[in-house]
Amino acid sequence: MWLKAWHLITMVTWFAGLFYLPRLYVYHAMSHDEISKERFKVMERKLFYGITTPGGVITLILGFWLLYDYAWQAYSSWWWLQLKLLLILLLCIYHFYCWVLLRDFAVDRNRHSHIWYRWFNEIPVIFLVAIVLLATLKPFGIISS
């Protein structure tokens, strides 16, 4: 249970970063003065490298440890688990794209409006809801304790 608890704690940390980083991008895209832009660059960099990425890496390590220890042999044919793993892969791609955007902002090469970032900011909510529902309800006719 400790492994699962730490997995959930780091998952919350990862998602907190994925919720806040695009929100910083919204404000960064709206800023016009150099002082604000530099401040957002520092905040984005510290959030991405200090909280979001470590949270994501540890979440993935603990998640695959849980998968290896408890689930893979029994659950490998379960559709809910395969779908959950696909969503996690897509979430990792989202995380990587956040890094691409971070690099663009770092060199003043932003190509999107603040409205685009407002929509982009909603994507992790969909991942969170879907992944949590799959992990807790284990749908598609599978009953688990």
N, C-alpha and C. Protein backbone atom coordinates (compact mmCIF):
# COMPACT_ATOMS: atom_id res chain seq x y z
N MET A 1 0.82 -1.20 0.00
CA MET A 1 0.00 0.00 0.00
C MET A 1 0.86 1.27 0.00
N TRP A 2 2.06 1.20 0.58
CA TRP A 2 2.95 2.35 0.57
C TRP A 2 3.34 2.74 -0.86
N LEU A 3 3.59 1.73 -1.66
CA LEU A 3 3.96 1.98 -3.05
C LEU A 3 2.84 2.70 -3.79
N LYS A 4 1.62 2.22 -3.58
CA LYS A 4 0.46 2.84 -4.21
C LYS A 4 0.25 4.27 -3.69
N ALA A 5 0.44 4.46 -2.39
CA ALA A 5 0.27 5.80 -1.80
C ALA A 5 1.28 6.78 -2.41
N TRP A 6 2.55 6.39 -2.51
CA TRP A 6 3.55 7.29 -3.09
C TRP A 6 3.30 7.51 -4.59
N HIS A 7 2.80 6.48 -5.25
CA HIS A 7 2.43 6.64 -6.66
C HIS A 7 1.35 7.72 -6.80
N LEU A 8 0.36 7.69 -5.95
CA LEU A 8 -0.72 8.69 -6.00
C LEU A 8 -0.22 10.09 -5.63
N ILE A 9 0.65 10.16 -4.63
CA ILE A 9 1.21 11.46 -4.23
C ILE A 9 2.00 12.09 -5.37
N THR A 10 2.85 11.31 -6.02
CA THR A 10 3.63 11.87 -7.12
C THR A 10 2.77 12.16 -8.33
N MET A 11 1.69 11.37 -8.52
CA MET A 11 0.77 11.65 -9.62
C MET A 11 0.09 13.01 -9.41
N VAL A 12 -0.31 13.29 -8.18
CA VAL A 12 -0.92 14.58 -7.87
C VAL A 12 0.08 15.71 -8.15
N THR A 13 1.33 15.50 -7.78
CA THR A 13 2.38 16.49 -8.03
C THR A 13 2.55 16.72 -9.54
N TRP A 14 2.60 15.63 -10.29
CA TRP A 14 2.75 15.72 -11.75
C TRP A 14 1.60 16.50 -12.35
N PHE A 15 0.38 16.14 -11.98
CA PHE A 15 -0.78 16.83 -12.55
C PHE A 15 -0.86 18.28 -12.10
N ALA A 16 -0.45 18.57 -10.87
CA ALA A 16 -0.44 19.97 -10.43
C ALA A 16 0.43 20.79 -11.36
N GLY A 17 1.59 20.25 -11.70
CA GLY A 17 2.47 20.94 -12.63
C GLY A 17 1.87 21.05 -14.02
N LEU A 18 1.22 19.98 -14.48
CA LEU A 18 0.62 20.01 -15.82
C LEU A 18 -0.60 20.93 -15.89
N PHE A 19 -1.23 21.17 -14.76
CA PHE A 19 -2.33 22.14 -14.73
C PHE A 19 -1.80 23.57 -14.69
N TYR A 20 -0.73 23.79 -13.93
CA TYR A 20 -0.25 25.15 -13.72
C TYR A 20 0.65 25.65 -14.84
N LEU A 21 1.47 24.79 -15.42
CA LEU A 21 2.41 25.23 -16.45
C LEU A 21 1.70 25.88 -17.65
N PRO A 22 0.69 25.24 -18.24
CA PRO A 22 0.00 25.91 -19.35
C PRO A 22 -0.71 27.20 -18.92
N ARG A 23 -1.11 27.27 -17.64
CA ARG A 23 -1.71 28.51 -17.14
C ARG A 23 -0.65 29.62 -17.13
N LEU A 24 0.58 29.27 -16.77
CA LEU A 24 1.66 30.25 -16.87
C LEU A 24 1.89 30.66 -18.32
N TYR A 25 1.74 29.72 -19.24
CA TYR A 25 1.88 30.03 -20.66
C TYR A 25 0.81 31.03 -21.10
N VAL A 26 -0.40 30.91 -20.56
CA VAL A 26 -1.47 31.87 -20.87
C VAL A 26 -1.01 33.27 -20.51
N TYR A 27 -0.54 33.42 -19.27
CA TYR A 27 -0.12 34.74 -18.80
C TYR A 27 1.13 35.23 -19.51
N HIS A 28 2.03 34.31 -19.82
CA HIS A 28 3.24 34.68 -20.54
C HIS A 28 2.89 35.20 -21.93
N ALA A 29 1.97 34.53 -22.60
CA ALA A 29 1.55 34.95 -23.95
C ALA A 29 0.86 36.31 -23.91
N MET A 30 0.27 36.66 -22.78
CA MET A 30 -0.41 37.95 -22.66
C MET A 30 0.53 39.08 -22.25
N SER A 31 1.72 38.75 -21.78
CA SER A 31 2.63 39.79 -21.28
C SER A 31 3.39 40.44 -22.43
N HIS A 32 3.67 41.72 -22.24
CA HIS A 32 4.35 42.48 -23.29
C HIS A 32 5.64 43.14 -22.80
N ASP A 33 5.77 43.31 -21.49
CA ASP A 33 6.99 43.96 -20.99
C ASP A 33 8.06 42.90 -20.69
N GLU A 34 9.29 43.30 -20.83
CA GLU A 34 10.43 42.37 -20.70
C GLU A 34 10.55 41.79 -19.30
N ILE A 35 10.26 42.58 -18.28
CA ILE A 35 10.37 42.10 -16.90
C ILE A 35 9.40 40.95 -16.66
N SER A 36 8.16 41.10 -17.11
CA SER A 36 7.18 40.02 -16.95
C SER A 36 7.58 38.78 -17.73
N LYS A 37 8.04 38.96 -18.95
CA LYS A 37 8.45 37.81 -19.76
C LYS A 37 9.57 37.04 -19.09
N GLU A 38 10.55 37.75 -18.55
CA GLU A 38 11.67 37.08 -17.88
C GLU A 38 11.21 36.38 -16.61
N ARG A 39 10.30 36.99 -15.89
CA ARG A 39 9.76 36.38 -14.67
C ARG A 39 9.03 35.08 -15.02
N PHE A 40 8.23 35.10 -16.08
CA PHE A 40 7.52 33.88 -16.49
C PHE A 40 8.48 32.79 -16.95
N LYS A 41 9.55 33.17 -17.61
CA LYS A 41 10.55 32.18 -18.04
C LYS A 41 11.13 31.44 -16.84
N VAL A 42 11.45 32.18 -15.79
CA VAL A 42 12.00 31.57 -14.58
C VAL A 42 10.96 30.67 -13.92
N MET A 43 9.74 31.16 -13.77
CA MET A 43 8.69 30.36 -13.14
C MET A 43 8.42 29.09 -13.92
N GLU A 44 8.32 29.20 -15.23
CA GLU A 44 8.05 28.03 -16.08
C GLU A 44 9.17 27.00 -15.97
N ARG A 45 10.39 27.48 -16.04
CA ARG A 45 11.55 26.57 -15.97
C ARG A 45 11.60 25.85 -14.62
N LYS A 46 11.42 26.57 -13.54
CA LYS A 46 11.46 25.96 -12.21
C LYS A 46 10.31 24.99 -12.01
N LEU A 47 9.14 25.34 -12.48
CA LEU A 47 7.99 24.44 -12.35
C LEU A 47 8.20 23.17 -13.17
N PHE A 48 8.66 23.33 -14.40
CA PHE A 48 8.83 22.16 -15.27
C PHE A 48 9.91 21.22 -14.76
N TYR A 49 11.09 21.78 -14.45
CA TYR A 49 12.22 20.93 -14.07
C TYR A 49 12.24 20.57 -12.58
N GLY A 50 11.64 21.41 -11.75
CA GLY A 50 11.69 21.18 -10.31
C GLY A 50 10.52 20.42 -9.74
N ILE A 51 9.36 20.47 -10.40
CA ILE A 51 8.16 19.83 -9.85
C ILE A 51 7.52 18.88 -10.86
N THR A 52 7.18 19.39 -12.03
CA THR A 52 6.40 18.61 -12.98
C THR A 52 7.15 17.38 -13.49
N THR A 53 8.35 17.57 -13.98
CA THR A 53 9.10 16.44 -14.53
C THR A 53 9.49 15.42 -13.46
N PRO A 54 10.03 15.84 -12.31
CA PRO A 54 10.30 14.83 -11.27
C PRO A 54 9.03 14.10 -10.84
N GLY A 55 7.92 14.81 -10.71
CA GLY A 55 6.66 14.16 -10.36
C GLY A 55 6.25 13.14 -11.40
N GLY A 56 6.40 13.49 -12.67
CA GLY A 56 6.05 12.56 -13.75
C GLY A 56 6.96 11.35 -13.79
N VAL A 57 8.25 11.58 -13.66
CA VAL A 57 9.22 10.46 -13.71
C VAL A 57 8.97 9.49 -12.56
N ILE A 58 8.83 10.02 -11.35
CA ILE A 58 8.61 9.15 -10.20
C ILE A 58 7.26 8.43 -10.31
N THR A 59 6.24 9.13 -10.79
CA THR A 59 4.94 8.50 -11.00
C THR A 59 5.06 7.32 -11.96
N LEU A 60 5.77 7.52 -13.06
CA LEU A 60 5.93 6.44 -14.04
C LEU A 60 6.73 5.27 -13.46
N ILE A 61 7.79 5.57 -12.74
CA ILE A 61 8.59 4.50 -12.14
C ILE A 61 7.75 3.69 -11.16
N LEU A 62 7.06 4.38 -10.26
CA LEU A 62 6.23 3.68 -9.28
C LEU A 62 5.06 2.96 -9.94
N GLY A 63 4.49 3.57 -10.97
CA GLY A 63 3.38 2.94 -11.68
C GLY A 63 3.80 1.65 -12.37
N PHE A 64 4.95 1.67 -13.02
CA PHE A 64 5.41 0.45 -13.67
C PHE A 64 5.87 -0.59 -12.64
N TRP A 65 6.35 -0.13 -11.50
CA TRP A 65 6.68 -1.05 -10.42
C TRP A 65 5.41 -1.75 -9.93
N LEU A 66 4.34 -0.96 -9.72
CA LEU A 66 3.06 -1.54 -9.34
C LEU A 66 2.56 -2.51 -10.41
N LEU A 67 2.68 -2.10 -11.64
CA LEU A 67 2.23 -2.94 -12.74
C LEU A 67 2.99 -4.26 -12.75
N TYR A 68 4.28 -4.18 -12.56
CA TYR A 68 5.12 -5.38 -12.55
C TYR A 68 4.80 -6.28 -11.36
N ASP A 69 4.72 -5.68 -10.18
CA ASP A 69 4.52 -6.46 -8.96
C ASP A 69 3.12 -7.06 -8.84
N TYR A 70 2.11 -6.30 -9.20
CA TYR A 70 0.76 -6.71 -8.85
C TYR A 70 -0.17 -7.02 -10.02
N ALA A 71 0.09 -6.41 -11.15
CA ALA A 71 -0.97 -6.42 -12.14
C ALA A 71 -0.66 -7.12 -13.44
N TRP A 72 0.55 -7.02 -13.92
CA TRP A 72 0.76 -7.37 -15.32
C TRP A 72 0.36 -8.80 -15.64
N GLN A 73 0.74 -9.75 -14.81
CA GLN A 73 0.40 -11.15 -15.09
C GLN A 73 -1.10 -11.35 -15.12
N ALA A 74 -1.79 -10.78 -14.16
CA ALA A 74 -3.23 -10.99 -14.05
C ALA A 74 -4.03 -10.10 -14.99
N TYR A 75 -3.53 -8.90 -15.24
CA TYR A 75 -4.36 -7.90 -15.91
C TYR A 75 -3.95 -7.61 -17.35
N SER A 76 -2.93 -8.24 -17.87
CA SER A 76 -2.39 -7.83 -19.16
C SER A 76 -3.40 -7.92 -20.30
N SER A 77 -4.41 -8.74 -20.16
CA SER A 77 -5.40 -8.84 -21.23
C SER A 77 -6.62 -7.95 -20.97
N TRP A 78 -6.61 -7.19 -19.90
CA TRP A 78 -7.77 -6.36 -19.57
C TRP A 78 -7.73 -5.06 -20.37
N TRP A 79 -8.81 -4.78 -21.04
CA TRP A 79 -8.90 -3.59 -21.89
C TRP A 79 -8.73 -2.29 -21.13
N TRP A 80 -9.27 -2.24 -19.92
CA TRP A 80 -9.17 -1.00 -19.15
C TRP A 80 -7.71 -0.65 -18.88
N LEU A 81 -6.89 -1.66 -18.59
CA LEU A 81 -5.49 -1.41 -18.31
C LEU A 81 -4.74 -0.99 -19.56
N GLN A 82 -5.03 -1.63 -20.66
CA GLN A 82 -4.37 -1.25 -21.91
C GLN A 82 -4.76 0.17 -22.32
N LEU A 83 -6.02 0.51 -22.14
CA LEU A 83 -6.47 1.88 -22.44
C LEU A 83 -5.82 2.89 -21.50
N LYS A 84 -5.73 2.53 -20.23
CA LYS A 84 -5.07 3.41 -19.26
C LYS A 84 -3.61 3.65 -19.65
N LEU A 85 -2.91 2.59 -20.03
CA LEU A 85 -1.51 2.74 -20.44
C LEU A 85 -1.38 3.59 -21.69
N LEU A 86 -2.31 3.47 -22.62
CA LEU A 86 -2.31 4.32 -23.80
C LEU A 86 -2.50 5.78 -23.41
N LEU A 87 -3.43 6.06 -22.50
CA LEU A 87 -3.65 7.42 -22.04
C LEU A 87 -2.42 7.98 -21.33
N ILE A 88 -1.73 7.14 -20.58
CA ILE A 88 -0.50 7.58 -19.92
C ILE A 88 0.57 7.92 -20.96
N LEU A 89 0.65 7.11 -22.00
CA LEU A 89 1.59 7.42 -23.09
C LEU A 89 1.25 8.77 -23.71
N LEU A 90 -0.03 9.02 -23.98
CA LEU A 90 -0.46 10.30 -24.55
C LEU A 90 -0.18 11.45 -23.58
N LEU A 91 -0.34 11.19 -22.29
CA LEU A 91 -0.02 12.22 -21.28
C LEU A 91 1.47 12.54 -21.30
N CYS A 92 2.30 11.53 -21.49
CA CYS A 92 3.74 11.76 -21.59
C CYS A 92 4.07 12.60 -22.83
N ILE A 93 3.36 12.36 -23.92
CA ILE A 93 3.54 13.17 -25.13
C ILE A 93 3.11 14.61 -24.85
N TYR A 94 2.01 14.80 -24.13
CA TYR A 94 1.58 16.14 -23.73
C TYR A 94 2.67 16.82 -22.89
N HIS A 95 3.21 16.08 -21.95
CA HIS A 95 4.29 16.61 -21.09
C HIS A 95 5.48 17.04 -21.96
N PHE A 96 5.86 16.19 -22.91
CA PHE A 96 6.97 16.53 -23.81
C PHE A 96 6.65 17.78 -24.62
N TYR A 97 5.41 17.91 -25.08
CA TYR A 97 5.03 19.10 -25.85
C TYR A 97 5.08 20.35 -24.96
N CYS A 98 4.76 20.19 -23.68
CA CYS A 98 4.92 21.32 -22.75
C CYS A 98 6.37 21.77 -22.70
N TRP A 99 7.30 20.80 -22.78
CA TRP A 99 8.72 21.13 -22.81
C TRP A 99 9.07 21.88 -24.10
N VAL A 100 8.50 21.46 -25.23
CA VAL A 100 8.74 22.15 -26.50
C VAL A 100 8.27 23.60 -26.39
N LEU A 101 7.10 23.80 -25.81
CA LEU A 101 6.58 25.16 -25.63
C LEU A 101 7.46 25.96 -24.67
N LEU A 102 7.94 25.31 -23.63
CA LEU A 102 8.85 25.96 -22.68
C LEU A 102 10.10 26.46 -23.40
N ARG A 103 10.66 25.64 -24.26
CA ARG A 103 11.85 26.03 -25.03
C ARG A 103 11.53 27.19 -25.97
N ASP A 104 10.35 27.17 -26.59
CA ASP A 104 9.97 28.29 -27.46
C ASP A 104 9.86 29.59 -26.67
N PHE A 105 9.21 29.55 -25.52
CA PHE A 105 9.10 30.75 -24.70
C PHE A 105 10.47 31.23 -24.23
N ALA A 106 11.37 30.30 -23.92
CA ALA A 106 12.70 30.65 -23.41
C ALA A 106 13.50 31.49 -24.40
N VAL A 107 13.24 31.29 -25.70
CA VAL A 107 13.95 32.06 -26.73
C VAL A 107 13.01 33.03 -27.45
N ASP A 108 11.92 33.39 -26.77
CA ASP A 108 10.95 34.37 -27.30
C ASP A 108 10.42 33.98 -28.68
N ARG A 109 10.05 32.72 -28.81
CA ARG A 109 9.55 32.21 -30.09
C ARG A 109 8.13 31.64 -29.95
N ASN A 110 7.34 32.23 -29.09
CA ASN A 110 5.97 31.75 -28.90
C ASN A 110 5.16 31.95 -30.19
N ARG A 111 4.40 30.94 -30.56
CA ARG A 111 3.62 31.00 -31.79
C ARG A 111 2.11 30.91 -31.55
N HIS A 112 1.70 30.94 -30.30
CA HIS A 112 0.28 30.74 -30.00
C HIS A 112 -0.27 31.91 -29.18
N SER A 113 -1.57 32.08 -29.27
CA SER A 113 -2.23 33.13 -28.50
C SER A 113 -2.56 32.62 -27.10
N HIS A 114 -2.90 33.55 -26.23
CA HIS A 114 -3.30 33.16 -24.87
C HIS A 114 -4.56 32.32 -24.91
N ILE A 115 -5.41 32.52 -25.89
CA ILE A 115 -6.64 31.72 -26.02
C ILE A 115 -6.29 30.28 -26.36
N TRP A 116 -5.33 30.08 -27.23
CA TRP A 116 -4.89 28.72 -27.56
C TRP A 116 -4.38 28.01 -26.30
N TYR A 117 -3.61 28.72 -25.50
CA TYR A 117 -3.09 28.12 -24.26
C TYR A 117 -4.21 27.85 -23.27
N ARG A 118 -5.25 28.65 -23.26
CA ARG A 118 -6.39 28.37 -22.38
C ARG A 118 -7.03 27.03 -22.74
N TRP A 119 -7.16 26.74 -24.00
CA TRP A 119 -7.70 25.44 -24.44
C TRP A 119 -6.69 24.33 -24.17
N PHE A 120 -5.45 24.56 -24.45
CA PHE A 120 -4.39 23.59 -24.20
C PHE A 120 -4.34 23.21 -22.73
N ASN A 121 -4.62 24.17 -21.87
CA ASN A 121 -4.61 23.97 -20.43
C ASN A 121 -5.67 22.97 -19.97
N GLU A 122 -6.70 22.74 -20.75
CA GLU A 122 -7.79 21.85 -20.35
C GLU A 122 -7.49 20.38 -20.65
N ILE A 123 -6.52 20.11 -21.49
CA ILE A 123 -6.24 18.73 -21.91
C ILE A 123 -5.90 17.81 -20.74
N PRO A 124 -5.05 18.22 -19.79
CA PRO A 124 -4.73 17.28 -18.70
C PRO A 124 -5.94 16.92 -17.83
N VAL A 125 -6.95 17.77 -17.80
CA VAL A 125 -8.16 17.45 -17.05
C VAL A 125 -8.81 16.20 -17.64
N ILE A 126 -8.86 16.14 -18.95
CA ILE A 126 -9.45 14.97 -19.63
C ILE A 126 -8.65 13.72 -19.30
N PHE A 127 -7.32 13.83 -19.36
CA PHE A 127 -6.47 12.69 -19.01
C PHE A 127 -6.69 12.26 -17.57
N LEU A 128 -6.73 13.21 -16.65
CA LEU A 128 -6.90 12.89 -15.23
C LEU A 128 -8.20 12.14 -14.99
N VAL A 129 -9.29 12.67 -15.51
CA VAL A 129 -10.59 12.04 -15.30
C VAL A 129 -10.61 10.62 -15.88
N ALA A 130 -10.14 10.49 -17.12
CA ALA A 130 -10.17 9.18 -17.78
C ALA A 130 -9.28 8.17 -17.06
N ILE A 131 -8.08 8.56 -16.70
CA ILE A 131 -7.14 7.63 -16.06
C ILE A 131 -7.64 7.22 -14.68
N VAL A 132 -8.13 8.16 -13.90
CA VAL A 132 -8.63 7.82 -12.56
C VAL A 132 -9.87 6.92 -12.66
N LEU A 133 -10.76 7.23 -13.58
CA LEU A 133 -11.95 6.37 -13.74
C LEU A 133 -11.56 4.96 -14.17
N LEU A 134 -10.63 4.85 -15.10
CA LEU A 134 -10.19 3.52 -15.52
C LEU A 134 -9.53 2.76 -14.38
N ALA A 135 -8.69 3.44 -13.60
CA ALA A 135 -7.96 2.78 -12.52
C ALA A 135 -8.88 2.37 -11.37
N THR A 136 -9.91 3.14 -11.11
CA THR A 136 -10.76 2.83 -9.96
C THR A 136 -11.96 1.96 -10.33
N LEU A 137 -12.56 2.18 -11.47
CA LEU A 137 -13.76 1.43 -11.84
C LEU A 137 -13.45 0.15 -12.60
N LYS A 138 -12.29 0.10 -13.26
CA LYS A 138 -11.90 -1.06 -14.05
C LYS A 138 -13.06 -1.55 -14.92
N PRO A 139 -13.47 -0.72 -15.86
CA PRO A 139 -14.68 -1.03 -16.65
C PRO A 139 -14.47 -2.17 -17.64
N PHE A 140 -15.43 -2.32 -18.53
CA PHE A 140 -15.44 -3.32 -19.59
C PHE A 140 -15.70 -4.72 -19.04
N GLY A 141 -16.56 -4.77 -18.03
CA GLY A 141 -17.00 -6.08 -17.53
C GLY A 141 -16.04 -6.76 -16.58
N ILE A 142 -14.99 -6.10 -16.16
CA ILE A 142 -14.02 -6.72 -15.25
C ILE A 142 -14.38 -6.31 -13.83
N ILE A 143 -14.52 -7.28 -12.98
CA ILE A 143 -14.81 -7.00 -11.56
C ILE A 143 -13.55 -7.32 -10.78
N SER A 144 -13.13 -6.38 -9.96
CA SER A 144 -11.91 -6.56 -9.19
C SER A 144 -12.15 -6.11 -7.76
N SER A 145 -11.36 -6.62 -6.87
CA SER A 145 -11.50 -6.24 -5.46
C SER A 145 -10.70 -5.00 -5.15
